[in-house]
């Protein structure tokens, strides 16, 4: 009867352990690469949805209410503009950055003593003793997540810069919008 020597057994066990270690290490690296790729894809998709929606609506805006700086250093994270997608006047869309999310709502303005709450322009001169009140026409809704910052600046050309992040991954996206009605 022939058997393996101790040295032969140790060599076989060592080669087997190395093979298992290499296979396990490769598996861990591929899982990490997959996870990072998935995170990047999710961030890019969120950013694309946010920027496309904001761009489409700002492009159609009748008037931008928010006073925007011409310089990125003084950019704001909120924009309000009159909706140009609907036939009704005085519907104002508001986008803003809050708690790592980009949110959107539609508001209107009316005079405080008006029981019918008839919508008026945001810059209307209100009668003495009254104030301009805000009425929510569409409640706030989240349009995108993982937003670490939103910067909006420019008047004739509106610039948007969006910084997204998840786990240890971060991406910057930017676009410029030429308004059709501005």
Protein backbone atom coordinates (compact mmCIF):
# COMPACT_ATOMS: atom_id res chain seq x y z
CA UNK A 1 0.00 0.00 0.00
CA UNK A 2 1.33 3.33 -1.09
CA UNK A 3 0.52 6.59 0.77
CA UNK A 4 1.50 10.26 0.66
CA UNK A 5 4.37 11.57 2.69
CA UNK A 6 3.89 14.45 5.08
CA UNK A 7 5.70 16.83 2.70
CA UNK A 8 3.49 15.82 -0.25
CA UNK A 9 0.36 16.33 1.87
CA UNK A 10 1.55 19.79 3.00
CA UNK A 11 2.29 20.80 -0.61
CA UNK A 12 -1.18 19.68 -1.76
CA UNK A 13 -2.89 21.52 1.11
CA UNK A 14 -0.82 24.68 0.43
CA UNK A 15 -1.62 24.64 -3.31
CA UNK A 16 -5.30 24.06 -2.54
CA UNK A 17 -5.35 26.93 0.02
CA UNK A 18 -3.67 29.28 -2.48
CA UNK A 19 -6.18 28.37 -5.19
CA UNK A 20 -9.12 28.92 -2.83
CA UNK A 21 -7.60 32.25 -1.66
CA UNK A 22 -7.14 33.47 -5.22
CA UNK A 23 -10.68 32.48 -6.20
CA UNK A 24 -12.15 34.10 -3.06
CA UNK A 25 -10.12 37.29 -3.59
CA UNK A 26 -11.27 37.52 -7.20
CA UNK A 27 -14.86 37.06 -6.12
CA UNK A 28 -14.60 39.82 -3.49
CA UNK A 29 -13.01 42.22 -6.01
CA UNK A 30 -15.69 41.53 -8.60
CA UNK A 31 -18.44 42.07 -6.01
CA UNK A 32 -16.87 45.38 -4.98
CA UNK A 33 -16.56 46.52 -8.61
CA UNK A 34 -20.18 45.52 -9.27
CA UNK A 35 -21.37 47.42 -6.20
CA UNK A 36 -19.42 50.55 -7.18
CA UNK A 37 -20.76 50.35 -10.73
CA UNK A 38 -24.29 49.94 -9.44
CA UNK A 39 -23.87 52.97 -7.15
CA UNK A 40 -22.49 55.08 -10.02
CA UNK A 41 -25.34 54.06 -12.30
CA UNK A 42 -27.91 54.91 -9.62
CA UNK A 43 -26.36 58.34 -9.01
CA UNK A 44 -26.17 59.14 -12.72
CA UNK A 45 -29.77 58.02 -13.26
CA UNK A 46 -31.00 60.16 -10.35
CA UNK A 47 -29.02 63.14 -11.61
CA UNK A 48 -30.29 62.70 -15.16
CA UNK A 49 -33.91 62.59 -14.03
CA UNK A 50 -33.49 65.67 -11.84
CA UNK A 51 -31.68 67.76 -14.44
CA UNK A 52 -33.95 66.74 -17.33
CA UNK A 53 -37.12 67.58 -15.42
CA UNK A 54 -35.82 70.90 -14.13
CA UNK A 55 -34.38 71.82 -17.54
CA UNK A 56 -37.61 71.07 -19.38
CA UNK A 57 -39.69 73.18 -17.01
CA UNK A 58 -37.23 76.08 -16.76
CA UNK A 59 -36.91 76.15 -20.56
CA UNK A 60 -40.69 76.67 -20.79
CA UNK A 61 -40.91 79.16 -17.90
CA UNK A 62 -42.81 82.36 -18.57
CA UNK A 63 -40.87 84.26 -15.93
CA UNK A 64 -38.27 83.43 -13.31
CA UNK A 65 -39.28 84.81 -9.93
CA UNK A 66 -36.08 83.99 -8.04
CA UNK A 67 -33.38 86.60 -8.43
CA UNK A 68 -30.42 84.57 -9.68
CA UNK A 69 -26.81 85.64 -9.40
CA UNK A 70 -24.62 85.77 -12.49
CA UNK A 71 -21.79 84.07 -10.58
CA UNK A 72 -21.63 80.47 -9.40
CA UNK A 73 -20.04 81.57 -6.11
CA UNK A 74 -23.31 83.33 -5.18
CA UNK A 75 -25.60 80.60 -6.54
CA UNK A 76 -28.83 79.61 -4.79
CA UNK A 77 -30.30 76.16 -4.16
CA UNK A 78 -33.91 77.24 -4.83
CA UNK A 79 -35.66 78.46 -7.96
CA UNK A 80 -39.24 79.67 -8.45
CA UNK A 81 -40.67 80.39 -11.89
CA UNK A 82 -44.04 80.75 -13.59
CA UNK A 83 -45.08 77.49 -15.20
CA UNK A 84 -45.17 77.73 -18.99
CA UNK A 85 -46.52 74.23 -19.59
CA UNK A 86 -50.12 75.00 -18.66
CA UNK A 87 -52.64 77.48 -20.02
CA UNK A 88 -53.63 78.84 -16.62
CA UNK A 89 -51.77 81.91 -15.41
CA UNK A 90 -50.03 82.38 -12.09
CA UNK A 91 -48.97 78.81 -11.33
CA UNK A 92 -45.44 78.96 -9.93
CA UNK A 93 -43.11 75.97 -9.79
CA UNK A 94 -40.59 75.81 -6.97
CA UNK A 95 -37.58 73.48 -6.95
CA UNK A 96 -35.28 73.30 -3.96
CA UNK A 97 -32.62 71.21 -2.28
CA UNK A 98 -33.55 69.85 1.14
CA UNK A 99 -32.18 66.97 3.21
CA UNK A 100 -30.25 65.32 0.33
CA UNK A 101 -33.29 65.45 -1.93
CA UNK A 102 -34.49 67.69 -4.73
CA UNK A 103 -38.11 68.66 -4.17
CA UNK A 104 -40.77 70.29 -6.36
CA UNK A 105 -44.08 71.98 -5.62
CA UNK A 106 -46.51 74.26 -7.43
CA UNK A 107 -47.84 77.34 -5.64
CA UNK A 108 -50.05 80.30 -6.40
CA UNK A 109 -50.47 83.70 -4.78
CA UNK A 110 -53.67 85.49 -3.74
CA UNK A 111 -54.69 88.50 -1.68
CA UNK A 112 -55.37 87.79 2.00
CA UNK A 113 -58.94 89.20 2.03
CA UNK A 114 -60.04 87.33 -1.11
CA UNK A 115 -62.45 84.54 -0.02
CA UNK A 116 -62.28 82.96 -3.51
CA UNK A 117 -58.47 82.94 -3.42
CA UNK A 118 -58.20 84.09 -7.04
CA UNK A 119 -54.60 83.68 -8.19
CA UNK A 120 -52.58 86.79 -8.98
CA UNK A 121 -49.01 87.46 -10.15
CA UNK A 122 -46.25 87.06 -7.58
CA UNK A 123 -45.32 90.73 -7.89
CA UNK A 124 -48.89 92.10 -7.68
CA UNK A 125 -49.42 95.24 -5.64
CA UNK A 126 -51.85 94.26 -2.95
CA UNK A 127 -54.60 96.54 -1.63
CA UNK A 128 -53.96 98.41 1.62
CA UNK A 129 -54.33 96.24 4.69
CA UNK A 130 -53.89 92.99 2.76
CA UNK A 131 -50.96 90.73 2.19
CA UNK A 132 -49.96 88.36 -0.57
CA UNK A 133 -50.66 84.81 0.61
CA UNK A 134 -49.32 81.54 -0.78
CA UNK A 135 -51.59 78.68 -1.79
CA UNK A 136 -50.15 75.21 -2.47
CA UNK A 137 -51.56 73.92 -5.77
CA UNK A 138 -49.44 70.74 -5.89
CA UNK A 139 -47.88 69.52 -2.64
CA UNK A 140 -44.13 69.06 -2.31
CA UNK A 141 -42.82 65.92 -4.00
CA UNK A 142 -39.36 64.39 -4.10
CA UNK A 143 -38.04 64.20 -7.67
CA UNK A 144 -34.57 62.88 -6.85
CA UNK A 145 -32.43 61.55 -4.05
CA UNK A 146 -28.74 61.47 -3.07
CA UNK A 147 -28.31 65.20 -3.80
CA UNK A 148 -25.50 66.67 -1.72
CA UNK A 149 -25.88 70.13 -3.26
CA UNK A 150 -27.75 72.07 -5.94
CA UNK A 151 -26.48 75.35 -7.37
CA UNK A 152 -28.56 77.58 -9.66
CA UNK A 153 -27.28 80.80 -11.23
CA UNK A 154 -27.55 82.94 -14.36
CA UNK A 155 -30.36 85.02 -15.85
CA UNK A 156 -30.48 84.71 -19.65
CA UNK A 157 -28.80 81.32 -19.47
CA UNK A 158 -29.70 79.42 -16.31
CA UNK A 159 -26.96 77.11 -15.06
CA UNK A 160 -27.62 74.09 -12.86
CA UNK A 161 -24.92 72.18 -11.00
CA UNK A 162 -25.89 69.07 -9.10
CA UNK A 163 -23.60 67.17 -6.75
CA UNK A 164 -24.78 63.66 -5.90
CA UNK A 165 -23.30 61.18 -3.46
CA UNK A 166 -23.94 57.77 -2.01
CA UNK A 167 -21.65 55.84 0.30
CA UNK A 168 -18.14 56.99 -0.68
CA UNK A 169 -19.03 57.74 -4.34
CA UNK A 170 -19.69 61.29 -5.55
CA UNK A 171 -20.44 62.75 -8.99
CA UNK A 172 -20.96 66.27 -10.33
CA UNK A 173 -23.43 66.98 -13.12
CA UNK A 174 -24.13 70.32 -14.76
CA UNK A 175 -26.24 71.80 -17.53
CA UNK A 176 -27.13 75.17 -19.01
CA UNK A 177 -30.66 76.13 -20.02
CA UNK A 178 -31.68 78.68 -22.62
CA UNK A 179 -35.22 79.77 -21.77
CA UNK A 180 -37.63 80.01 -24.70
CA UNK A 181 -39.85 82.62 -23.08
CA UNK A 182 -37.32 84.55 -20.99
